[in-house]
Amino acid sequence: ITTISDQLLKQSSISVENWIRGELSGAIRRAVDSAVLSGNGGSITGILSTAGVTDVTFAGGPTRAKLIEMQTAINNSNADVEKMCWLTNPDIVGILRELRADAGSGQFVMSEKDMLLGYKLIMSTLVPTNIATDKNAIVFGNFDHCVIAQWGGVDLGVDPYTLMANAQIRIIANSYWDSEVIHAKSFSKGDDVVG
């Protein structure tokens, strides 16, 4: 839901309308991505709460050994495929960029091209940073094994009446989504990573 002024619509060009549509679309995308990862408190469980996803205990900052443990857990479940990738937040990415592979080689676990231990790393501010106060999440897996479904497109409603006394118009976007992890062993997570 967003509220805009009647005056804005009367004084502006079509570009404002397109901007409002873009903002609503972005809000829907962020809500879906957040629910797929962390659940929505209702029908969507989310990858981080799905039973069977391997949970690796970090109990501190990210280390090369713990990251390899996440990969190994998936390999041991015969779920390793070429489409694997990492997902975490900017706080953890900052730490990973400085994490050395070992004491003497001068190599880092994360390359300049955002590859982490040979797999693509995706950074998102939607990955939780406040699990149990200061704990962060990192996920490794085949995201093709998480199905996202949507029905009926997006319904847009324009309500010029509710806030008419304030010369404001409400725009409401409704859309219907669901998500399910179809192979839990294709994912491993660390949800206690100190960042």
N, C-alpha and C. Protein backbone atom coordinates (compact mmCIF):
# COMPACT_ATOMS: atom_id res chain seq x y z
N ILE A 1 0.86 -1.18 0.00
CA ILE A 1 0.00 0.00 0.00
C ILE A 1 0.89 1.23 0.00
N THR A 2 0.56 2.19 -0.82
CA THR A 2 1.25 3.47 -0.78
C THR A 2 0.22 4.59 -0.89
N THR A 3 0.59 5.73 -0.38
CA THR A 3 -0.29 6.89 -0.42
C THR A 3 0.41 8.01 -1.17
N ILE A 4 -0.30 8.62 -2.10
CA ILE A 4 0.25 9.75 -2.85
C ILE A 4 -0.75 10.90 -2.79
N SER A 5 -0.24 12.07 -3.04
CA SER A 5 -1.14 13.23 -3.00
C SER A 5 -1.83 13.40 -4.35
N ASP A 6 -3.05 13.89 -4.27
CA ASP A 6 -3.80 14.20 -5.48
C ASP A 6 -3.08 15.28 -6.28
N GLN A 7 -2.44 16.19 -5.57
CA GLN A 7 -1.70 17.26 -6.22
C GLN A 7 -0.54 16.72 -7.05
N LEU A 8 0.15 15.72 -6.52
CA LEU A 8 1.26 15.11 -7.26
C LEU A 8 0.78 14.58 -8.60
N LEU A 9 -0.35 13.89 -8.60
CA LEU A 9 -0.87 13.34 -9.85
C LEU A 9 -1.28 14.44 -10.83
N LYS A 10 -1.84 15.51 -10.31
CA LYS A 10 -2.31 16.59 -11.19
C LYS A 10 -1.16 17.40 -11.78
N GLN A 11 -0.05 17.46 -11.08
CA GLN A 11 1.07 18.30 -11.53
C GLN A 11 2.15 17.54 -12.28
N SER A 12 2.06 16.24 -12.33
CA SER A 12 3.20 15.48 -12.86
C SER A 12 2.88 14.80 -14.17
N SER A 13 3.92 14.23 -14.73
CA SER A 13 3.81 13.55 -16.02
C SER A 13 3.61 12.05 -15.78
N ILE A 14 3.59 11.31 -16.86
CA ILE A 14 3.42 9.85 -16.80
C ILE A 14 4.59 9.19 -16.08
N SER A 15 5.74 9.87 -16.01
CA SER A 15 6.90 9.27 -15.37
C SER A 15 6.68 9.02 -13.88
N VAL A 16 5.88 9.85 -13.21
CA VAL A 16 5.59 9.63 -11.80
C VAL A 16 4.76 8.37 -11.62
N GLU A 17 3.80 8.18 -12.48
CA GLU A 17 2.98 6.97 -12.42
C GLU A 17 3.86 5.74 -12.62
N ASN A 18 4.77 5.78 -13.57
CA ASN A 18 5.68 4.66 -13.79
C ASN A 18 6.60 4.45 -12.59
N TRP A 19 7.04 5.54 -11.96
CA TRP A 19 7.89 5.43 -10.79
C TRP A 19 7.14 4.74 -9.66
N ILE A 20 5.87 5.12 -9.44
CA ILE A 20 5.05 4.51 -8.39
C ILE A 20 4.88 3.02 -8.67
N ARG A 21 4.61 2.65 -9.91
CA ARG A 21 4.48 1.23 -10.28
C ARG A 21 5.78 0.49 -9.99
N GLY A 22 6.89 1.12 -10.34
CA GLY A 22 8.19 0.50 -10.08
C GLY A 22 8.45 0.29 -8.60
N GLU A 23 8.07 1.26 -7.78
CA GLU A 23 8.25 1.14 -6.33
C GLU A 23 7.38 0.02 -5.76
N LEU A 24 6.14 -0.09 -6.23
CA LEU A 24 5.26 -1.17 -5.77
C LEU A 24 5.80 -2.53 -6.21
N SER A 25 6.29 -2.62 -7.45
CA SER A 25 6.88 -3.88 -7.93
C SER A 25 8.10 -4.25 -7.10
N GLY A 26 8.93 -3.27 -6.78
CA GLY A 26 10.11 -3.53 -5.95
C GLY A 26 9.72 -4.01 -4.55
N ALA A 27 8.67 -3.44 -3.98
CA ALA A 27 8.21 -3.86 -2.65
C ALA A 27 7.72 -5.30 -2.68
N ILE A 28 7.03 -5.67 -3.75
CA ILE A 28 6.55 -7.06 -3.88
C ILE A 28 7.74 -8.01 -4.01
N ARG A 29 8.71 -7.65 -4.84
CA ARG A 29 9.90 -8.51 -5.02
C ARG A 29 10.64 -8.71 -3.70
N ARG A 30 10.82 -7.63 -2.93
CA ARG A 30 11.53 -7.74 -1.65
C ARG A 30 10.75 -8.61 -0.67
N ALA A 31 9.43 -8.46 -0.66
CA ALA A 31 8.60 -9.28 0.25
C ALA A 31 8.69 -10.76 -0.11
N VAL A 32 8.67 -11.06 -1.41
CA VAL A 32 8.78 -12.46 -1.86
C VAL A 32 10.15 -13.01 -1.51
N ASP A 33 11.21 -12.28 -1.83
CA ASP A 33 12.57 -12.76 -1.53
C ASP A 33 12.76 -12.99 -0.03
N SER A 34 12.26 -12.09 0.77
CA SER A 34 12.38 -12.23 2.22
C SER A 34 11.63 -13.46 2.72
N ALA A 35 10.42 -13.68 2.20
CA ALA A 35 9.63 -14.85 2.62
C ALA A 35 10.29 -16.15 2.18
N VAL A 36 10.86 -16.19 0.98
CA VAL A 36 11.52 -17.39 0.48
C VAL A 36 12.71 -17.74 1.37
N LEU A 37 13.41 -16.74 1.85
CA LEU A 37 14.58 -16.97 2.68
C LEU A 37 14.20 -17.23 4.15
N SER A 38 13.39 -16.36 4.72
CA SER A 38 13.13 -16.40 6.17
C SER A 38 11.72 -16.81 6.55
N GLY A 39 10.85 -17.05 5.59
CA GLY A 39 9.46 -17.36 5.89
C GLY A 39 8.64 -16.09 6.04
N ASN A 40 7.33 -16.26 6.08
CA ASN A 40 6.45 -15.10 6.21
C ASN A 40 5.56 -15.16 7.44
N GLY A 41 5.85 -16.07 8.35
CA GLY A 41 5.03 -16.21 9.53
C GLY A 41 3.70 -16.89 9.26
N GLY A 42 3.54 -17.39 8.06
CA GLY A 42 2.30 -18.06 7.68
C GLY A 42 2.58 -19.30 6.87
N SER A 43 2.16 -19.28 5.63
CA SER A 43 2.23 -20.48 4.79
C SER A 43 3.62 -20.76 4.21
N ILE A 44 4.49 -19.76 4.16
CA ILE A 44 5.83 -19.97 3.59
C ILE A 44 6.83 -20.17 4.73
N THR A 45 7.48 -21.33 4.75
CA THR A 45 8.44 -21.67 5.81
C THR A 45 9.75 -20.93 5.64
N GLY A 46 10.25 -20.86 4.43
CA GLY A 46 11.54 -20.22 4.16
C GLY A 46 12.69 -21.20 4.29
N ILE A 47 13.74 -20.98 3.52
CA ILE A 47 14.90 -21.87 3.50
C ILE A 47 15.52 -22.00 4.89
N LEU A 48 15.65 -20.88 5.61
CA LEU A 48 16.32 -20.92 6.91
C LEU A 48 15.59 -21.74 7.96
N SER A 49 14.27 -21.97 7.76
CA SER A 49 13.49 -22.74 8.74
C SER A 49 13.02 -24.09 8.23
N THR A 50 13.40 -24.46 7.03
CA THR A 50 12.95 -25.72 6.44
C THR A 50 13.65 -26.90 7.11
N ALA A 51 12.86 -27.88 7.54
CA ALA A 51 13.41 -29.11 8.13
C ALA A 51 14.25 -29.83 7.09
N GLY A 52 15.40 -30.32 7.50
CA GLY A 52 16.26 -31.09 6.60
C GLY A 52 17.38 -30.28 5.98
N VAL A 53 17.29 -28.95 6.02
CA VAL A 53 18.40 -28.12 5.56
C VAL A 53 19.53 -28.27 6.58
N THR A 54 20.72 -28.61 6.12
CA THR A 54 21.85 -28.83 7.02
C THR A 54 22.23 -27.54 7.73
N ASP A 55 22.30 -27.61 9.06
CA ASP A 55 22.64 -26.45 9.87
C ASP A 55 24.07 -26.60 10.37
N VAL A 56 24.94 -25.71 9.93
CA VAL A 56 26.35 -25.72 10.37
C VAL A 56 26.51 -24.65 11.44
N THR A 57 27.03 -25.03 12.58
CA THR A 57 27.22 -24.11 13.70
C THR A 57 28.54 -23.37 13.54
N PHE A 58 28.46 -22.05 13.44
CA PHE A 58 29.66 -21.22 13.32
C PHE A 58 30.15 -20.78 14.70
N ALA A 59 29.24 -20.32 15.56
CA ALA A 59 29.58 -19.86 16.92
C ALA A 59 30.71 -18.83 16.89
N GLY A 60 30.70 -17.99 15.89
CA GLY A 60 31.70 -16.95 15.73
C GLY A 60 31.66 -16.43 14.31
N GLY A 61 32.72 -15.78 13.90
CA GLY A 61 32.79 -15.26 12.54
C GLY A 61 33.01 -16.37 11.52
N PRO A 62 32.86 -16.03 10.23
CA PRO A 62 33.05 -17.04 9.19
C PRO A 62 34.51 -17.48 9.11
N THR A 63 34.69 -18.78 8.91
CA THR A 63 36.03 -19.33 8.71
C THR A 63 36.01 -20.19 7.45
N ARG A 64 37.18 -20.38 6.88
CA ARG A 64 37.27 -21.25 5.71
C ARG A 64 36.80 -22.66 6.04
N ALA A 65 37.15 -23.16 7.21
CA ALA A 65 36.78 -24.52 7.61
C ALA A 65 35.26 -24.67 7.68
N LYS A 66 34.55 -23.68 8.23
CA LYS A 66 33.10 -23.78 8.35
C LYS A 66 32.41 -23.67 6.99
N LEU A 67 32.96 -22.84 6.11
CA LEU A 67 32.41 -22.73 4.76
C LEU A 67 32.58 -24.04 4.00
N ILE A 68 33.72 -24.67 4.16
CA ILE A 68 33.95 -25.98 3.53
C ILE A 68 33.02 -27.02 4.14
N GLU A 69 32.76 -26.93 5.44
CA GLU A 69 31.81 -27.85 6.08
C GLU A 69 30.42 -27.72 5.46
N MET A 70 30.02 -26.50 5.12
CA MET A 70 28.71 -26.30 4.46
C MET A 70 28.69 -26.98 3.10
N GLN A 71 29.77 -26.83 2.34
CA GLN A 71 29.85 -27.49 1.03
C GLN A 71 29.87 -29.01 1.18
N THR A 72 30.64 -29.50 2.11
CA THR A 72 30.78 -30.94 2.31
C THR A 72 29.46 -31.58 2.69
N ALA A 73 28.67 -30.90 3.51
CA ALA A 73 27.36 -31.44 3.91
C ALA A 73 26.49 -31.70 2.68
N ILE A 74 26.53 -30.80 1.73
CA ILE A 74 25.74 -30.98 0.51
C ILE A 74 26.34 -32.09 -0.35
N ASN A 75 27.66 -32.13 -0.46
CA ASN A 75 28.31 -33.19 -1.24
C ASN A 75 27.97 -34.57 -0.67
N ASN A 76 27.96 -34.70 0.66
CA ASN A 76 27.66 -35.98 1.30
C ASN A 76 26.21 -36.40 1.12
N SER A 77 25.35 -35.48 0.74
CA SER A 77 23.93 -35.79 0.50
C SER A 77 23.64 -36.01 -0.98
N ASN A 78 24.69 -36.10 -1.79
CA ASN A 78 24.55 -36.27 -3.24
C ASN A 78 23.70 -35.19 -3.87
N ALA A 79 23.79 -33.98 -3.34
CA ALA A 79 22.99 -32.87 -3.86
C ALA A 79 23.85 -31.85 -4.59
N ASP A 80 25.13 -32.10 -4.75
CA ASP A 80 26.02 -31.14 -5.38
C ASP A 80 25.75 -31.06 -6.88
N VAL A 81 25.47 -29.88 -7.35
CA VAL A 81 25.27 -29.63 -8.78
C VAL A 81 26.02 -28.36 -9.15
N GLU A 82 26.15 -28.12 -10.43
CA GLU A 82 26.92 -26.97 -10.89
C GLU A 82 26.24 -25.64 -10.59
N LYS A 83 24.97 -25.63 -10.26
CA LYS A 83 24.25 -24.38 -10.04
C LYS A 83 24.30 -23.86 -8.61
N MET A 84 25.14 -24.44 -7.77
CA MET A 84 25.23 -24.00 -6.39
C MET A 84 25.73 -22.56 -6.31
N CYS A 85 25.28 -21.84 -5.28
CA CYS A 85 25.81 -20.51 -5.02
C CYS A 85 25.62 -20.18 -3.54
N TRP A 86 26.28 -19.12 -3.12
CA TRP A 86 26.23 -18.62 -1.75
C TRP A 86 25.30 -17.43 -1.70
N LEU A 87 24.67 -17.22 -0.53
CA LEU A 87 23.83 -16.04 -0.31
C LEU A 87 24.07 -15.55 1.11
N THR A 88 24.42 -14.27 1.25
CA THR A 88 24.60 -13.68 2.58
C THR A 88 24.42 -12.17 2.49
N ASN A 89 24.60 -11.49 3.60
CA ASN A 89 24.37 -10.05 3.66
C ASN A 89 25.68 -9.26 3.55
N PRO A 90 25.59 -7.94 3.37
CA PRO A 90 26.80 -7.13 3.20
C PRO A 90 27.78 -7.21 4.37
N ASP A 91 27.28 -7.37 5.61
CA ASP A 91 28.19 -7.46 6.76
C ASP A 91 29.13 -8.66 6.62
N ILE A 92 28.58 -9.81 6.25
CA ILE A 92 29.39 -11.02 6.11
C ILE A 92 30.27 -10.93 4.87
N VAL A 93 29.76 -10.34 3.80
CA VAL A 93 30.59 -10.19 2.59
C VAL A 93 31.84 -9.37 2.91
N GLY A 94 31.67 -8.32 3.71
CA GLY A 94 32.84 -7.52 4.09
C GLY A 94 33.89 -8.33 4.81
N ILE A 95 33.46 -9.23 5.68
CA ILE A 95 34.39 -10.10 6.40
C ILE A 95 35.02 -11.11 5.45
N LEU A 96 34.23 -11.68 4.56
CA LEU A 96 34.74 -12.69 3.63
C LEU A 96 35.79 -12.11 2.68
N ARG A 97 35.64 -10.85 2.32
CA ARG A 97 36.61 -10.21 1.43
C ARG A 97 37.99 -10.10 2.08
N GLU A 98 38.03 -10.13 3.40
CA GLU A 98 39.30 -10.03 4.11
C GLU A 98 39.79 -11.37 4.65
N LEU A 99 38.98 -12.43 4.50
CA LEU A 99 39.31 -13.73 5.07
C LEU A 99 40.35 -14.44 4.20
N ARG A 100 41.51 -14.68 4.79
CA ARG A 100 42.60 -15.34 4.05
C ARG A 100 42.37 -16.85 3.99
N ALA A 101 42.78 -17.45 2.88
CA ALA A 101 42.65 -18.89 2.71
C ALA A 101 43.57 -19.63 3.67
N ASP A 102 44.74 -19.06 3.94
CA ASP A 102 45.70 -19.64 4.88
C ASP A 102 46.68 -18.56 5.31
N ALA A 103 47.60 -18.92 6.15
CA ALA A 103 48.50 -17.92 6.72
C ALA A 103 49.58 -17.43 5.76
N GLY A 104 49.99 -18.23 4.78
CA GLY A 104 51.15 -17.86 4.00
C GLY A 104 50.97 -17.56 2.52
N SER A 105 49.88 -17.99 1.90
CA SER A 105 49.77 -17.89 0.44
C SER A 105 49.38 -16.51 -0.06
N GLY A 106 48.79 -15.69 0.78
CA GLY A 106 48.31 -14.39 0.32
C GLY A 106 46.98 -14.49 -0.42
N GLN A 107 46.42 -15.68 -0.49
CA GLN A 107 45.13 -15.90 -1.16
C GLN A 107 43.98 -15.65 -0.19
N PHE A 108 42.84 -15.25 -0.76
CA PHE A 108 41.64 -15.03 0.03
C PHE A 108 40.59 -16.06 -0.36
N VAL A 109 39.64 -16.36 0.55
CA VAL A 109 38.61 -17.35 0.22
C VAL A 109 37.64 -16.80 -0.82
N MET A 110 37.55 -15.47 -0.91
CA MET A 110 36.64 -14.83 -1.86
C MET A 110 37.45 -14.09 -2.90
N SER A 111 37.13 -14.33 -4.17
CA SER A 111 37.87 -13.69 -5.25
C SER A 111 37.30 -12.31 -5.54
N GLU A 112 38.01 -11.55 -6.33
CA GLU A 112 37.56 -10.22 -6.74
C GLU A 112 36.27 -10.28 -7.56
N LYS A 113 36.00 -11.42 -8.15
CA LYS A 113 34.80 -11.57 -8.98
C LYS A 113 33.64 -12.16 -8.18
N ASP A 114 33.67 -11.99 -6.86
CA ASP A 114 32.61 -12.47 -5.96
C ASP A 114 32.37 -13.97 -6.08
N MET A 115 33.46 -14.72 -6.17
CA MET A 115 33.40 -16.18 -6.12
C MET A 115 33.93 -16.58 -4.75
N LEU A 116 33.18 -17.45 -4.08
CA LEU A 116 33.56 -17.91 -2.75
C LEU A 116 33.81 -19.42 -2.82
N LEU A 117 35.05 -19.82 -2.62
CA LEU A 117 35.45 -21.23 -2.70
C LEU A 117 34.94 -21.88 -3.99
N GLY A 118 35.04 -21.14 -5.09
CA GLY A 118 34.69 -21.68 -6.41
C GLY A 118 33.25 -21.51 -6.83
N TYR A 119 32.42 -20.90 -6.00
CA TYR A 119 31.01 -20.72 -6.34
C TYR A 119 30.62 -19.24 -6.23
N LYS A 120 29.68 -18.82 -7.04
CA LYS A 120 29.19 -17.45 -7.06
C LYS A 120 28.61 -17.07 -5.70
N LEU A 121 28.89 -15.85 -5.26
CA LEU A 121 28.30 -15.33 -4.03
C LEU A 121 27.35 -14.19 -4.38
N ILE A 122 26.14 -14.25 -3.85
CA ILE A 122 25.15 -13.20 -4.04
C ILE A 122 24.95 -12.50 -2.71
N MET A 123 24.99 -11.17 -2.75
CA MET A 123 24.83 -10.36 -1.54
C MET A 123 23.43 -9.73 -1.55
N SER A 124 22.76 -9.80 -0.41
CA SER A 124 21.43 -9.21 -0.29
C SER A 124 21.22 -8.67 1.11
N THR A 125 20.64 -7.49 1.20
CA THR A 125 20.31 -6.91 2.50
C THR A 125 19.10 -7.62 3.12
N LEU A 126 18.46 -8.52 2.40
CA LEU A 126 17.32 -9.27 2.93
C LEU A 126 17.75 -10.48 3.77
N VAL A 127 19.04 -10.83 3.70
CA VAL A 127 19.54 -11.92 4.54
C VAL A 127 19.65 -11.39 5.97
N PRO A 128 19.06 -12.09 6.94
CA PRO A 128 19.00 -11.56 8.31
C PRO A 128 20.36 -11.23 8.92
N THR A 129 20.37 -10.11 9.64
CA THR A 129 21.56 -9.68 10.38
C THR A 129 21.29 -9.65 11.87
N ASN A 130 20.09 -9.98 12.29
CA ASN A 130 19.72 -9.82 13.70
C ASN A 130 19.16 -11.10 14.32
N ILE A 131 19.67 -12.24 13.89
CA ILE A 131 19.26 -13.51 14.49
C ILE A 131 19.93 -13.57 15.86
N ALA A 132 19.18 -13.69 16.92
CA ALA A 132 19.74 -13.74 18.28
C ALA A 132 20.72 -12.59 18.49
N THR A 133 20.27 -11.39 18.31
CA THR A 133 20.98 -10.12 18.52
C THR A 133 21.96 -9.78 17.41
N ASP A 134 23.14 -10.40 17.38
CA ASP A 134 24.16 -9.99 16.41
C ASP A 134 24.54 -11.10 15.45
N LYS A 135 23.70 -12.09 15.32
CA LYS A 135 24.02 -13.23 14.45
C LYS A 135 23.47 -13.00 13.04
N ASN A 136 24.23 -13.45 12.07
CA ASN A 136 23.91 -13.31 10.66
C ASN A 136 23.69 -14.68 10.04
N ALA A 137 23.15 -14.68 8.82
CA ALA A 137 22.94 -15.94 8.11
C ALA A 137 23.78 -15.98 6.85
N ILE A 138 24.18 -17.20 6.51
CA ILE A 138 24.80 -17.48 5.22
C ILE A 138 24.20 -18.79 4.73
N VAL A 139 23.86 -18.83 3.45
CA VAL A 139 23.22 -20.02 2.85
C VAL A 139 24.05 -20.44 1.65
N PHE A 140 24.21 -21.75 1.50
CA PHE A 140 24.85 -22.32 0.32
C PHE A 140 23.91 -23.37 -0.24
N GLY A 141 23.69 -23.33 -1.54
CA GLY A 141 22.82 -24.36 -2.09
C GLY A 141 22.45 -24.14 -3.54
N ASN A 142 21.60 -25.04 -4.00
CA ASN A 142 21.07 -24.99 -5.36
C ASN A 142 19.68 -24.35 -5.29
N PHE A 143 19.60 -23.08 -5.59
CA PHE A 143 18.35 -22.34 -5.44
C PHE A 143 17.30 -22.74 -6.46
N ASP A 144 17.68 -23.57 -7.45
CA ASP A 144 16.68 -24.16 -8.34
C ASP A 144 15.81 -25.15 -7.59
N HIS A 145 16.27 -25.62 -6.42
CA HIS A 145 15.50 -26.57 -5.63
C HIS A 145 14.60 -25.88 -4.61
N CYS A 146 14.36 -24.60 -4.83
CA CYS A 146 13.38 -23.84 -4.07
C CYS A 146 12.40 -23.26 -5.09
N VAL A 147 11.19 -23.78 -5.09
CA VAL A 147 10.20 -23.38 -6.08
C VAL A 147 9.43 -22.16 -5.57
N ILE A 148 9.27 -21.18 -6.45
CA ILE A 148 8.47 -19.99 -6.14
C ILE A 148 7.32 -19.95 -7.15
N ALA A 149 6.10 -19.87 -6.63
CA ALA A 149 4.92 -19.86 -7.50
C ALA A 149 4.12 -18.58 -7.25
N GLN A 150 3.48 -18.10 -8.32
CA GLN A 150 2.65 -16.90 -8.23
C GLN A 150 1.39 -17.10 -9.05
N TRP A 151 0.26 -16.62 -8.52
CA TRP A 151 -1.02 -16.79 -9.20
C TRP A 151 -1.67 -15.45 -9.47
N GLY A 152 -2.25 -15.34 -10.64
CA GLY A 152 -3.15 -14.23 -10.94
C GLY A 152 -2.53 -12.87 -11.16
N GLY A 153 -1.24 -12.80 -11.35
CA GLY A 153 -0.63 -11.49 -11.58
C GLY A 153 -0.71 -10.60 -10.36
N VAL A 154 -0.81 -9.31 -10.59
CA VAL A 154 -0.90 -8.32 -9.53
C VAL A 154 -2.18 -7.53 -9.72
N ASP A 155 -2.98 -7.46 -8.65
CA ASP A 155 -4.21 -6.65 -8.68
C ASP A 155 -3.88 -5.28 -8.10
N LEU A 156 -4.13 -4.24 -8.89
CA LEU A 156 -3.92 -2.88 -8.42
C LEU A 156 -5.26 -2.23 -8.15
N GLY A 157 -5.40 -1.64 -7.00
CA GLY A 157 -6.62 -0.92 -6.65
C GLY A 157 -6.28 0.52 -6.30
N VAL A 158 -7.07 1.43 -6.81
CA VAL A 158 -6.89 2.85 -6.52
C VAL A 158 -8.07 3.29 -5.66
N ASP A 159 -7.77 3.81 -4.48
CA ASP A 159 -8.80 4.25 -3.54
C ASP A 159 -8.71 5.76 -3.37
N PRO A 160 -9.55 6.52 -4.09
CA PRO A 160 -9.51 7.98 -3.97
C PRO A 160 -10.40 8.52 -2.84
N TYR A 161 -11.08 7.64 -2.11
CA TYR A 161 -12.09 8.09 -1.15
C TYR A 161 -11.63 8.11 0.30
N THR A 162 -10.94 7.06 0.77
CA THR A 162 -10.62 6.92 2.19
C THR A 162 -9.87 8.13 2.73
N LEU A 163 -8.93 8.65 1.99
CA LEU A 163 -8.11 9.79 2.45
C LEU A 163 -8.44 11.07 1.68
N MET A 164 -9.64 11.15 1.16
CA MET A 164 -10.04 12.30 0.34
C MET A 164 -9.94 13.61 1.13
N ALA A 165 -10.27 13.59 2.42
CA ALA A 165 -10.20 14.81 3.24
C ALA A 165 -8.78 15.36 3.31
N ASN A 166 -7.79 14.53 3.10
CA ASN A 166 -6.38 14.94 3.10
C ASN A 166 -5.84 15.16 1.69
N ALA A 167 -6.70 15.06 0.69
CA ALA A 167 -6.31 15.17 -0.72
C ALA A 167 -5.25 14.14 -1.08
N GLN A 168 -5.47 12.90 -0.58
CA GLN A 168 -4.53 11.81 -0.85
C GLN A 168 -5.26 10.62 -1.46
N ILE A 169 -4.51 9.86 -2.21
CA ILE A 169 -5.03 8.67 -2.89
C ILE A 169 -4.20 7.48 -2.42
N ARG A 170 -4.88 6.38 -2.10
CA ARG A 170 -4.19 5.15 -1.71
C ARG A 170 -4.14 4.22 -2.92
N ILE A 171 -2.98 3.63 -3.13
CA ILE A 171 -2.83 2.62 -4.18
C ILE A 171 -2.45 1.32 -3.49
N ILE A 172 -3.21 0.28 -3.77
CA ILE A 172 -3.04 -1.01 -3.11
C ILE A 172 -2.70 -2.06 -4.16
N ALA A 173 -1.63 -2.80 -3.90
CA ALA A 173 -1.23 -3.90 -4.79
C ALA A 173 -1.38 -5.21 -4.04
N ASN A 174 -2.11 -6.14 -4.60
CA ASN A 174 -2.26 -7.48 -4.04
C ASN A 174 -1.71 -8.49 -5.02
N SER A 175 -0.92 -9.43 -4.50
CA SER A 175 -0.45 -10.53 -5.34
C SER A 175 -0.32 -11.77 -4.46
N TYR A 176 -0.37 -12.94 -5.08
CA TYR A 176 -0.45 -14.20 -4.35
C TYR A 176 0.73 -15.08 -4.72
N TRP A 177 1.48 -15.50 -3.69
CA TRP A 177 2.73 -16.23 -3.87
C TRP A 177 2.81 -17.42 -2.93
N ASP A 178 3.63 -18.38 -3.29
CA ASP A 178 3.97 -19.47 -2.40
C ASP A 178 5.39 -19.91 -2.74
N SER A 179 6.03 -20.60 -1.81
CA SER A 179 7.38 -21.09 -2.03
C SER A 179 7.58 -22.35 -1.21
N GLU A 180 8.37 -23.26 -1.75
CA GLU A 180 8.64 -24.52 -1.06
C GLU A 180 10.02 -25.02 -1.47
N VAL A 181 10.79 -25.46 -0.49
CA VAL A 181 12.06 -26.13 -0.76
C VAL A 181 11.72 -27.56 -1.15
N ILE A 182 12.10 -27.97 -2.37
CA ILE A 182 11.71 -29.30 -2.84
C ILE A 182 12.77 -30.36 -2.54
N HIS A 183 13.98 -29.93 -2.20
CA HIS A 183 15.03 -30.89 -1.82
C HIS A 183 15.90 -30.21 -0.76
N ALA A 184 15.56 -30.43 0.51
CA ALA A 184 16.21 -29.72 1.62
C ALA A 184 17.72 -29.97 1.65
N LYS A 185 18.16 -31.15 1.26
CA LYS A 185 19.59 -31.48 1.33
C LYS A 185 20.40 -30.76 0.25
N SER A 186 19.73 -30.00 -0.60
CA SER A 186 20.44 -29.15 -1.56
C SER A 186 20.89 -27.84 -0.93
N PHE A 187 20.61 -27.66 0.37
CA PHE A 187 20.95 -26.42 1.06
C PHE A 187 21.67 -26.71 2.37
N SER A 188 22.60 -25.84 2.71
CA SER A 188 23.17 -25.81 4.05
C SER A 188 23.16 -24.35 4.49
N LYS A 189 23.09 -24.15 5.80
CA LYS A 189 22.98 -22.80 6.32
C LYS A 189 23.81 -22.66 7.58
N GLY A 190 24.22 -21.45 7.83
CA GLY A 190 24.78 -21.06 9.11
C GLY A 190 23.97 -19.86 9.55
N ASP A 191 23.26 -19.96 10.66
CA ASP A 191 22.43 -18.82 11.08
C ASP A 191 22.87 -18.26 12.43
N ASP A 192 24.15 -18.50 12.75
CA ASP A 192 24.71 -17.94 13.99
C ASP A 192 26.08 -17.31 13.71
N VAL A 193 26.22 -16.74 12.51
CA VAL A 193 27.51 -16.19 12.07
C VAL A 193 27.66 -14.79 12.64
N VAL A 194 28.70 -14.57 13.40
CA VAL A 194 28.94 -13.26 13.98
C VAL A 194 29.59 -12.37 12.93
N GLY A 195 28.98 -11.19 12.74
CA GLY A 195 29.47 -10.28 11.70
C GLY A 195 29.90 -8.95 12.22
